[in-house]
């Protein structure tokens, strides 16, 4: 078992992000095969379109539902890449624009078994601030294009100021 990671989020503004994505609906926590399938589907679509040749290729995971409150069968997660305007999805690939705004962002390096603990830590940190999560999706922004651990990423939780 790994030691608990030190999480030091900062609140900062992120821009809108145009993405192409493959979506999974159902349980995903701790299921690497789900993420492998999603990314294989996405990269299989992106490769022939020349999108993987971009040296600034950015991969993300987008989490739409709170796993503490939404039943597993209804949870949604997307494997995504940033794409320019004018790119449209087809078949199992869709496109969307993620809203920008204020996010609590934690830069971390994680092994596969450390993701859940890192997410818990950022949520604990958030509960001790003047912020609360808002209803935009949570995002993992990967800093390296590698499917081998450890993974370097930013965990991004959308926030709003707590009402007094």
N, C-alpha and C. Protein backbone atom coordinates (compact mmCIF):
# COMPACT_ATOMS: atom_id res chain seq x y z
N UNK A 1 0.85 -1.18 0.00
CA UNK A 1 0.00 0.00 0.00
C UNK A 1 0.89 1.24 0.00
N UNK A 2 0.54 2.20 -0.79
CA UNK A 2 1.35 3.41 -0.92
C UNK A 2 1.04 4.39 0.20
N UNK A 3 2.04 5.20 0.54
CA UNK A 3 1.80 6.27 1.49
C UNK A 3 0.86 7.28 0.87
N UNK A 4 0.13 7.99 1.73
CA UNK A 4 -0.78 9.02 1.22
C UNK A 4 0.04 10.13 0.55
N UNK A 5 -0.38 10.52 -0.64
CA UNK A 5 0.30 11.57 -1.39
C UNK A 5 0.00 12.93 -0.77
N UNK A 6 1.00 13.80 -0.80
CA UNK A 6 0.77 15.17 -0.39
C UNK A 6 0.13 15.91 -1.56
N UNK A 7 -1.03 16.47 -1.30
CA UNK A 7 -1.77 17.19 -2.34
C UNK A 7 -1.77 18.67 -1.97
N UNK A 8 -1.27 19.50 -2.87
CA UNK A 8 -1.22 20.95 -2.64
C UNK A 8 -1.91 21.68 -3.78
N UNK A 9 -3.25 21.66 -3.80
CA UNK A 9 -3.96 22.32 -4.90
C UNK A 9 -3.82 23.84 -4.84
N UNK A 10 -3.98 24.44 -6.01
CA UNK A 10 -4.10 25.89 -6.13
C UNK A 10 -5.37 26.15 -6.93
N UNK A 11 -6.04 27.23 -6.62
CA UNK A 11 -7.24 27.60 -7.38
C UNK A 11 -6.81 28.53 -8.50
N UNK A 12 -7.15 28.13 -9.73
CA UNK A 12 -6.78 28.96 -10.88
C UNK A 12 -7.84 28.81 -11.96
N UNK A 13 -7.78 29.75 -12.89
CA UNK A 13 -8.74 29.76 -13.99
C UNK A 13 -8.21 28.91 -15.14
N UNK A 14 -9.07 28.01 -15.64
CA UNK A 14 -8.73 27.22 -16.83
C UNK A 14 -9.60 27.70 -17.98
N UNK A 15 -9.05 27.65 -19.20
CA UNK A 15 -9.82 28.08 -20.36
C UNK A 15 -10.83 27.01 -20.79
N UNK A 16 -11.76 27.40 -21.65
CA UNK A 16 -12.61 26.41 -22.31
C UNK A 16 -11.71 25.43 -23.06
N UNK A 17 -12.16 24.18 -23.15
CA UNK A 17 -11.38 23.17 -23.87
C UNK A 17 -12.30 22.42 -24.83
N UNK A 18 -11.95 22.43 -26.11
CA UNK A 18 -12.70 21.66 -27.11
C UNK A 18 -12.10 20.26 -27.14
N UNK A 19 -12.95 19.24 -26.96
CA UNK A 19 -12.46 17.87 -26.87
C UNK A 19 -13.19 16.93 -27.84
N UNK A 20 -12.49 15.88 -28.20
CA UNK A 20 -13.10 14.70 -28.83
C UNK A 20 -12.96 13.60 -27.78
N UNK A 21 -13.99 12.76 -27.63
CA UNK A 21 -13.95 11.81 -26.53
C UNK A 21 -14.71 10.52 -26.84
N UNK A 22 -14.31 9.48 -26.11
CA UNK A 22 -15.03 8.21 -26.07
C UNK A 22 -15.59 8.08 -24.65
N UNK A 23 -16.86 7.72 -24.52
CA UNK A 23 -17.52 7.69 -23.21
C UNK A 23 -17.81 6.27 -22.75
N UNK A 24 -17.67 6.09 -21.43
CA UNK A 24 -18.08 4.85 -20.76
C UNK A 24 -19.16 5.21 -19.75
N UNK A 25 -20.21 4.42 -19.71
CA UNK A 25 -21.24 4.57 -18.69
C UNK A 25 -21.25 3.29 -17.87
N UNK A 26 -21.07 3.44 -16.57
CA UNK A 26 -21.03 2.29 -15.67
C UNK A 26 -19.85 2.40 -14.73
N UNK A 27 -19.60 1.34 -13.96
CA UNK A 27 -18.49 1.40 -13.00
C UNK A 27 -17.14 1.52 -13.71
N UNK A 28 -16.25 2.31 -13.12
CA UNK A 28 -14.92 2.49 -13.72
C UNK A 28 -13.82 2.54 -12.69
N UNK A 29 -14.12 2.83 -11.44
CA UNK A 29 -13.06 3.01 -10.44
C UNK A 29 -12.25 1.73 -10.28
N UNK A 30 -10.93 1.87 -10.45
CA UNK A 30 -10.02 0.74 -10.31
C UNK A 30 -10.05 -0.24 -11.48
N UNK A 31 -10.73 0.11 -12.56
CA UNK A 31 -10.87 -0.81 -13.70
C UNK A 31 -10.05 -0.30 -14.88
N UNK A 32 -8.76 -0.64 -14.87
CA UNK A 32 -7.87 -0.15 -15.92
C UNK A 32 -8.31 -0.59 -17.31
N UNK A 33 -8.96 -1.75 -17.42
CA UNK A 33 -9.41 -2.23 -18.74
C UNK A 33 -10.41 -1.27 -19.36
N UNK A 34 -11.24 -0.61 -18.55
CA UNK A 34 -12.20 0.37 -19.06
C UNK A 34 -11.46 1.53 -19.71
N UNK A 35 -10.44 2.05 -19.03
CA UNK A 35 -9.69 3.19 -19.55
C UNK A 35 -8.86 2.79 -20.78
N UNK A 36 -8.28 1.59 -20.75
CA UNK A 36 -7.54 1.12 -21.92
C UNK A 36 -8.45 1.05 -23.15
N UNK A 37 -9.64 0.50 -22.98
CA UNK A 37 -10.58 0.39 -24.10
C UNK A 37 -10.98 1.78 -24.61
N UNK A 38 -11.28 2.70 -23.70
CA UNK A 38 -11.66 4.05 -24.10
C UNK A 38 -10.55 4.73 -24.89
N UNK A 39 -9.33 4.69 -24.36
CA UNK A 39 -8.22 5.36 -25.03
C UNK A 39 -7.86 4.67 -26.34
N UNK A 40 -7.95 3.34 -26.39
CA UNK A 40 -7.70 2.64 -27.66
C UNK A 40 -8.71 3.06 -28.72
N UNK A 41 -9.99 3.17 -28.35
CA UNK A 41 -11.03 3.61 -29.27
C UNK A 41 -10.75 5.03 -29.75
N UNK A 42 -10.44 5.92 -28.80
CA UNK A 42 -10.17 7.32 -29.13
C UNK A 42 -8.94 7.46 -30.03
N UNK A 43 -7.85 6.79 -29.67
CA UNK A 43 -6.61 6.93 -30.45
C UNK A 43 -6.76 6.28 -31.83
N UNK A 44 -7.56 5.22 -31.91
CA UNK A 44 -7.83 4.60 -33.21
C UNK A 44 -8.58 5.53 -34.15
N UNK A 45 -9.40 6.40 -33.58
CA UNK A 45 -10.12 7.42 -34.36
C UNK A 45 -9.19 8.59 -34.69
N UNK A 46 -8.39 9.03 -33.70
CA UNK A 46 -7.56 10.23 -33.86
C UNK A 46 -6.37 10.01 -34.79
N UNK A 47 -5.79 8.82 -34.80
CA UNK A 47 -4.60 8.55 -35.60
C UNK A 47 -4.78 8.84 -37.07
N UNK A 48 -5.79 8.25 -37.73
CA UNK A 48 -5.98 8.49 -39.16
C UNK A 48 -6.30 9.95 -39.51
N UNK A 49 -6.70 10.73 -38.55
CA UNK A 49 -7.01 12.15 -38.78
C UNK A 49 -5.80 13.05 -38.54
N UNK A 50 -4.66 12.45 -38.22
CA UNK A 50 -3.43 13.22 -38.01
C UNK A 50 -3.37 13.93 -36.67
N UNK A 51 -4.31 13.66 -35.78
CA UNK A 51 -4.35 14.37 -34.51
C UNK A 51 -3.27 13.92 -33.54
N UNK A 52 -2.78 12.69 -33.69
CA UNK A 52 -1.75 12.18 -32.78
C UNK A 52 -0.37 12.71 -33.13
N UNK A 53 -0.21 13.29 -34.32
CA UNK A 53 1.09 13.82 -34.74
C UNK A 53 1.39 15.17 -34.11
N UNK A 54 0.39 15.81 -33.51
CA UNK A 54 0.58 17.12 -32.89
C UNK A 54 1.49 16.98 -31.67
N UNK A 55 2.64 17.67 -31.66
CA UNK A 55 3.55 17.55 -30.51
C UNK A 55 2.93 18.10 -29.22
N UNK A 56 1.88 18.89 -29.34
CA UNK A 56 1.20 19.42 -28.15
C UNK A 56 -0.05 18.62 -27.80
N UNK A 57 -0.12 17.37 -28.28
CA UNK A 57 -1.27 16.52 -27.99
C UNK A 57 -1.54 16.50 -26.49
N UNK A 58 -2.79 16.73 -26.13
CA UNK A 58 -3.17 16.77 -24.72
C UNK A 58 -4.27 15.74 -24.47
N UNK A 59 -4.03 14.81 -23.55
CA UNK A 59 -5.04 13.81 -23.20
C UNK A 59 -5.64 14.13 -21.83
N UNK A 60 -6.91 13.75 -21.70
CA UNK A 60 -7.65 14.04 -20.47
C UNK A 60 -8.58 12.88 -20.14
N UNK A 61 -8.99 12.82 -18.89
CA UNK A 61 -10.16 12.04 -18.48
C UNK A 61 -11.14 13.03 -17.89
N UNK A 62 -12.41 12.88 -18.26
CA UNK A 62 -13.45 13.80 -17.81
C UNK A 62 -14.47 12.98 -17.01
N UNK A 63 -14.71 13.41 -15.78
CA UNK A 63 -15.62 12.71 -14.87
C UNK A 63 -16.87 13.56 -14.68
N UNK A 64 -18.01 13.02 -15.07
CA UNK A 64 -19.25 13.79 -15.05
C UNK A 64 -20.07 13.64 -13.77
N UNK A 65 -19.82 12.61 -13.00
CA UNK A 65 -20.69 12.29 -11.87
C UNK A 65 -19.88 12.05 -10.60
N UNK A 66 -20.47 12.39 -9.47
CA UNK A 66 -19.86 12.16 -8.17
C UNK A 66 -20.05 10.69 -7.81
N UNK A 67 -18.95 9.92 -7.73
CA UNK A 67 -19.10 8.49 -7.43
C UNK A 67 -19.66 8.22 -6.03
N UNK A 68 -19.67 9.25 -5.18
CA UNK A 68 -20.24 9.08 -3.83
C UNK A 68 -21.77 9.16 -3.84
N UNK A 69 -22.34 9.79 -4.88
CA UNK A 69 -23.80 10.00 -4.88
C UNK A 69 -24.52 9.39 -6.09
N UNK A 70 -23.80 9.11 -7.18
CA UNK A 70 -24.43 8.57 -8.39
C UNK A 70 -24.19 7.06 -8.42
N UNK A 71 -25.25 6.27 -8.63
CA UNK A 71 -25.07 4.81 -8.71
C UNK A 71 -24.05 4.44 -9.78
N UNK A 72 -23.26 3.39 -9.51
CA UNK A 72 -22.20 2.98 -10.44
C UNK A 72 -22.70 2.81 -11.88
N UNK A 73 -23.87 2.22 -12.04
CA UNK A 73 -24.40 1.94 -13.38
C UNK A 73 -24.66 3.21 -14.17
N UNK A 74 -24.79 4.35 -13.50
CA UNK A 74 -25.10 5.62 -14.16
C UNK A 74 -23.90 6.54 -14.29
N UNK A 75 -22.75 6.17 -13.74
CA UNK A 75 -21.58 7.03 -13.77
C UNK A 75 -21.02 7.12 -15.19
N UNK A 76 -20.56 8.33 -15.56
CA UNK A 76 -20.00 8.58 -16.89
C UNK A 76 -18.57 9.09 -16.77
N UNK A 77 -17.69 8.53 -17.61
CA UNK A 77 -16.31 8.99 -17.71
C UNK A 77 -15.95 9.01 -19.19
N UNK A 78 -15.16 10.03 -19.58
CA UNK A 78 -14.71 10.18 -20.96
C UNK A 78 -13.19 10.12 -21.02
N UNK A 79 -12.66 9.42 -22.01
CA UNK A 79 -11.26 9.55 -22.40
C UNK A 79 -11.26 10.58 -23.52
N UNK A 80 -10.42 11.61 -23.42
CA UNK A 80 -10.52 12.72 -24.35
C UNK A 80 -9.16 13.24 -24.79
N UNK A 81 -9.18 13.94 -25.92
CA UNK A 81 -8.03 14.72 -26.38
C UNK A 81 -8.54 16.10 -26.77
N UNK A 82 -7.67 17.10 -26.63
CA UNK A 82 -8.01 18.43 -27.11
C UNK A 82 -7.97 18.42 -28.63
N UNK A 83 -8.97 19.06 -29.25
CA UNK A 83 -9.03 19.15 -30.71
C UNK A 83 -9.36 20.58 -31.12
N UNK A 84 -8.95 20.97 -32.32
CA UNK A 84 -9.30 22.31 -32.80
C UNK A 84 -10.76 22.36 -33.25
N UNK A 85 -11.28 23.57 -33.36
CA UNK A 85 -12.62 23.75 -33.92
C UNK A 85 -12.64 23.13 -35.31
N UNK A 86 -13.80 22.66 -35.72
CA UNK A 86 -13.95 22.09 -37.05
C UNK A 86 -13.77 20.59 -37.09
N UNK A 87 -13.30 19.99 -35.99
CA UNK A 87 -13.18 18.53 -35.91
C UNK A 87 -14.49 18.00 -35.35
N UNK A 88 -15.09 17.05 -36.05
CA UNK A 88 -16.34 16.44 -35.59
C UNK A 88 -16.10 14.97 -35.32
N UNK A 89 -16.82 14.44 -34.33
CA UNK A 89 -16.72 13.02 -34.02
C UNK A 89 -17.56 12.20 -34.97
N UNK A 90 -17.40 10.89 -34.87
CA UNK A 90 -18.24 9.96 -35.62
C UNK A 90 -18.18 8.62 -34.92
N UNK A 91 -19.21 7.80 -35.15
CA UNK A 91 -19.32 6.49 -34.52
C UNK A 91 -19.26 6.63 -33.00
N UNK A 92 -18.24 6.04 -32.34
CA UNK A 92 -18.14 6.07 -30.88
C UNK A 92 -17.46 7.32 -30.34
N UNK A 93 -17.08 8.25 -31.20
CA UNK A 93 -16.38 9.46 -30.78
C UNK A 93 -17.31 10.66 -30.91
N UNK A 94 -17.37 11.45 -29.85
CA UNK A 94 -18.18 12.67 -29.84
C UNK A 94 -17.25 13.86 -29.59
N UNK A 95 -17.76 15.06 -29.83
CA UNK A 95 -17.02 16.27 -29.50
C UNK A 95 -17.87 17.14 -28.59
N UNK A 96 -17.20 17.98 -27.81
CA UNK A 96 -17.88 18.88 -26.88
C UNK A 96 -16.89 19.96 -26.48
N UNK A 97 -17.41 20.99 -25.83
CA UNK A 97 -16.57 22.03 -25.25
C UNK A 97 -16.74 22.00 -23.75
N UNK A 98 -15.63 21.77 -23.04
CA UNK A 98 -15.67 21.82 -21.58
C UNK A 98 -15.62 23.28 -21.16
N UNK A 99 -16.48 23.67 -20.23
CA UNK A 99 -16.47 25.08 -19.80
C UNK A 99 -15.20 25.43 -19.02
N UNK A 100 -14.74 26.64 -19.22
CA UNK A 100 -13.63 27.14 -18.44
C UNK A 100 -14.11 27.65 -17.10
N UNK A 101 -13.20 28.26 -16.34
CA UNK A 101 -13.57 28.84 -15.06
C UNK A 101 -12.59 28.45 -13.97
N UNK A 102 -13.00 28.67 -12.73
CA UNK A 102 -12.15 28.41 -11.58
C UNK A 102 -12.12 26.91 -11.26
N UNK A 103 -10.90 26.40 -11.06
CA UNK A 103 -10.69 24.99 -10.69
C UNK A 103 -9.66 24.93 -9.57
N UNK A 104 -9.83 23.98 -8.66
CA UNK A 104 -8.76 23.61 -7.74
C UNK A 104 -7.92 22.59 -8.51
N UNK A 105 -6.62 22.91 -8.68
CA UNK A 105 -5.75 22.09 -9.52
C UNK A 105 -4.60 21.56 -8.66
N UNK A 106 -4.43 20.24 -8.67
CA UNK A 106 -3.33 19.60 -7.96
C UNK A 106 -2.46 18.86 -8.96
N UNK A 107 -1.19 19.22 -9.03
CA UNK A 107 -0.23 18.52 -9.89
C UNK A 107 0.34 17.34 -9.12
N UNK A 108 0.18 16.13 -9.68
CA UNK A 108 0.57 14.91 -8.96
C UNK A 108 1.25 13.93 -9.91
N UNK A 109 1.99 13.01 -9.33
CA UNK A 109 2.54 11.85 -10.02
C UNK A 109 2.01 10.63 -9.28
N UNK A 110 1.26 9.76 -10.01
CA UNK A 110 0.53 8.68 -9.35
C UNK A 110 0.78 7.33 -9.99
N UNK A 111 0.78 6.31 -9.15
CA UNK A 111 0.68 4.92 -9.59
C UNK A 111 -0.81 4.61 -9.72
N UNK A 112 -1.19 3.58 -10.48
CA UNK A 112 -2.62 3.28 -10.67
C UNK A 112 -3.42 3.14 -9.37
N UNK A 113 -2.81 2.59 -8.32
CA UNK A 113 -3.55 2.39 -7.07
C UNK A 113 -3.62 3.64 -6.20
N UNK A 114 -3.08 4.77 -6.67
CA UNK A 114 -3.07 5.99 -5.87
C UNK A 114 -4.11 7.03 -6.31
N UNK A 115 -4.81 6.77 -7.42
CA UNK A 115 -5.76 7.75 -7.94
C UNK A 115 -6.88 8.06 -6.95
N UNK A 116 -7.53 7.04 -6.41
CA UNK A 116 -8.67 7.26 -5.51
C UNK A 116 -8.25 8.07 -4.29
N UNK A 117 -7.09 7.75 -3.72
CA UNK A 117 -6.61 8.49 -2.56
C UNK A 117 -6.30 9.94 -2.89
N UNK A 118 -5.74 10.19 -4.08
CA UNK A 118 -5.45 11.57 -4.49
C UNK A 118 -6.74 12.37 -4.64
N UNK A 119 -7.75 11.75 -5.24
CA UNK A 119 -9.05 12.44 -5.39
C UNK A 119 -9.66 12.72 -4.02
N UNK A 120 -9.58 11.76 -3.10
CA UNK A 120 -10.11 11.99 -1.74
C UNK A 120 -9.37 13.15 -1.07
N UNK A 121 -8.05 13.19 -1.24
CA UNK A 121 -7.25 14.25 -0.62
C UNK A 121 -7.64 15.63 -1.13
N UNK A 122 -7.82 15.77 -2.44
CA UNK A 122 -8.19 17.09 -2.97
C UNK A 122 -9.59 17.49 -2.49
N UNK A 123 -10.49 16.52 -2.36
CA UNK A 123 -11.83 16.84 -1.86
C UNK A 123 -11.79 17.21 -0.37
N UNK A 124 -10.94 16.53 0.41
CA UNK A 124 -10.75 16.91 1.82
C UNK A 124 -10.18 18.32 1.92
N UNK A 125 -9.18 18.61 1.10
CA UNK A 125 -8.59 19.95 1.09
C UNK A 125 -9.66 20.98 0.78
N UNK A 126 -10.48 20.69 -0.20
CA UNK A 126 -11.52 21.62 -0.62
C UNK A 126 -12.51 21.91 0.50
N UNK A 127 -12.81 20.91 1.31
CA UNK A 127 -13.78 21.09 2.39
C UNK A 127 -13.27 22.04 3.47
N UNK A 128 -11.97 22.34 3.47
CA UNK A 128 -11.38 23.24 4.46
C UNK A 128 -11.05 24.61 3.88
N UNK A 129 -11.66 24.94 2.73
CA UNK A 129 -11.41 26.23 2.09
C UNK A 129 -12.71 27.00 1.98
N UNK A 130 -12.66 28.16 1.36
CA UNK A 130 -13.86 28.95 1.10
C UNK A 130 -14.52 28.58 -0.21
N UNK A 131 -14.15 27.42 -0.75
CA UNK A 131 -14.69 26.96 -2.04
C UNK A 131 -15.49 25.69 -1.85
N UNK A 132 -16.35 25.44 -2.83
CA UNK A 132 -17.05 24.16 -2.89
C UNK A 132 -17.09 23.72 -4.35
N UNK A 133 -17.22 22.40 -4.59
CA UNK A 133 -17.30 21.95 -5.99
C UNK A 133 -18.54 22.52 -6.66
N UNK A 134 -18.44 22.84 -7.94
CA UNK A 134 -19.65 23.21 -8.66
C UNK A 134 -20.02 22.08 -9.60
N UNK A 135 -20.97 22.32 -10.51
CA UNK A 135 -21.53 21.21 -11.28
C UNK A 135 -20.85 20.96 -12.63
N UNK A 136 -19.72 21.60 -12.91
CA UNK A 136 -18.96 21.27 -14.11
C UNK A 136 -18.22 19.95 -13.88
N UNK A 137 -17.84 19.26 -14.95
CA UNK A 137 -17.11 18.00 -14.78
C UNK A 137 -15.73 18.20 -14.15
N UNK A 138 -15.28 17.19 -13.42
CA UNK A 138 -13.90 17.12 -12.95
C UNK A 138 -13.04 16.58 -14.08
N UNK A 139 -11.77 16.98 -14.08
CA UNK A 139 -10.89 16.63 -15.20
C UNK A 139 -9.53 16.17 -14.67
N UNK A 140 -8.97 15.18 -15.34
CA UNK A 140 -7.55 14.85 -15.17
C UNK A 140 -6.88 15.25 -16.48
N UNK A 141 -5.86 16.10 -16.38
CA UNK A 141 -5.11 16.54 -17.56
C UNK A 141 -3.73 15.89 -17.46
N UNK A 142 -3.43 15.01 -18.41
CA UNK A 142 -2.17 14.27 -18.38
C UNK A 142 -1.04 15.11 -18.97
N UNK A 143 0.09 15.15 -18.26
CA UNK A 143 1.22 15.97 -18.69
C UNK A 143 2.17 15.24 -19.61
N UNK A 144 2.08 13.92 -19.65
CA UNK A 144 2.93 13.11 -20.53
C UNK A 144 2.03 12.14 -21.28
N UNK A 145 2.38 11.87 -22.52
CA UNK A 145 1.60 10.94 -23.34
C UNK A 145 2.18 9.54 -23.18
N UNK A 146 1.87 8.92 -22.05
CA UNK A 146 2.38 7.58 -21.77
C UNK A 146 1.28 6.76 -21.14
N UNK A 147 1.21 5.50 -21.52
CA UNK A 147 0.23 4.63 -20.89
C UNK A 147 0.90 3.74 -19.84
N UNK A 148 2.12 4.11 -19.44
CA UNK A 148 2.86 3.37 -18.42
C UNK A 148 3.04 4.23 -17.16
N UNK A 149 2.78 3.65 -15.98
CA UNK A 149 2.97 4.41 -14.74
C UNK A 149 4.44 4.65 -14.46
N UNK A 150 4.73 5.66 -13.63
CA UNK A 150 3.77 6.54 -12.96
C UNK A 150 3.21 7.58 -13.93
N UNK A 151 2.02 8.07 -13.60
CA UNK A 151 1.33 9.05 -14.44
C UNK A 151 1.48 10.44 -13.84
N UNK A 152 1.90 11.41 -14.68
CA UNK A 152 2.02 12.81 -14.25
C UNK A 152 0.81 13.54 -14.79
N UNK A 153 0.06 14.16 -13.88
CA UNK A 153 -1.19 14.79 -14.29
C UNK A 153 -1.59 15.90 -13.34
N UNK A 154 -2.56 16.70 -13.82
CA UNK A 154 -3.25 17.68 -12.97
C UNK A 154 -4.65 17.16 -12.71
N UNK A 155 -5.01 17.09 -11.43
CA UNK A 155 -6.40 16.80 -11.05
C UNK A 155 -7.08 18.14 -10.91
N UNK A 156 -8.18 18.34 -11.64
CA UNK A 156 -8.85 19.64 -11.70
C UNK A 156 -10.30 19.49 -11.26
N UNK A 157 -10.63 20.13 -10.14
CA UNK A 157 -11.98 20.09 -9.59
C UNK A 157 -12.60 21.48 -9.75
N UNK A 158 -13.72 21.59 -10.49
CA UNK A 158 -14.34 22.90 -10.66
C UNK A 158 -14.87 23.41 -9.33
N UNK A 159 -14.63 24.70 -9.07
CA UNK A 159 -15.04 25.26 -7.77
C UNK A 159 -15.81 26.57 -7.95
N UNK A 160 -16.57 26.87 -6.91
CA UNK A 160 -17.22 28.16 -6.77
C UNK A 160 -17.06 28.59 -5.32
N UNK A 161 -17.21 29.87 -5.06
CA UNK A 161 -17.08 30.40 -3.72
C UNK A 161 -18.27 29.94 -2.88
N UNK A 162 -17.96 29.50 -1.65
CA UNK A 162 -19.01 29.08 -0.73
C UNK A 162 -19.87 30.28 -0.37
N UNK A 163 -21.20 30.09 -0.44
CA UNK A 163 -22.13 31.16 -0.05
C UNK A 163 -22.18 31.26 1.47
N UNK A 164 -22.16 32.47 1.98
CA UNK A 164 -22.21 32.68 3.43
C UNK A 164 -23.63 32.85 3.89
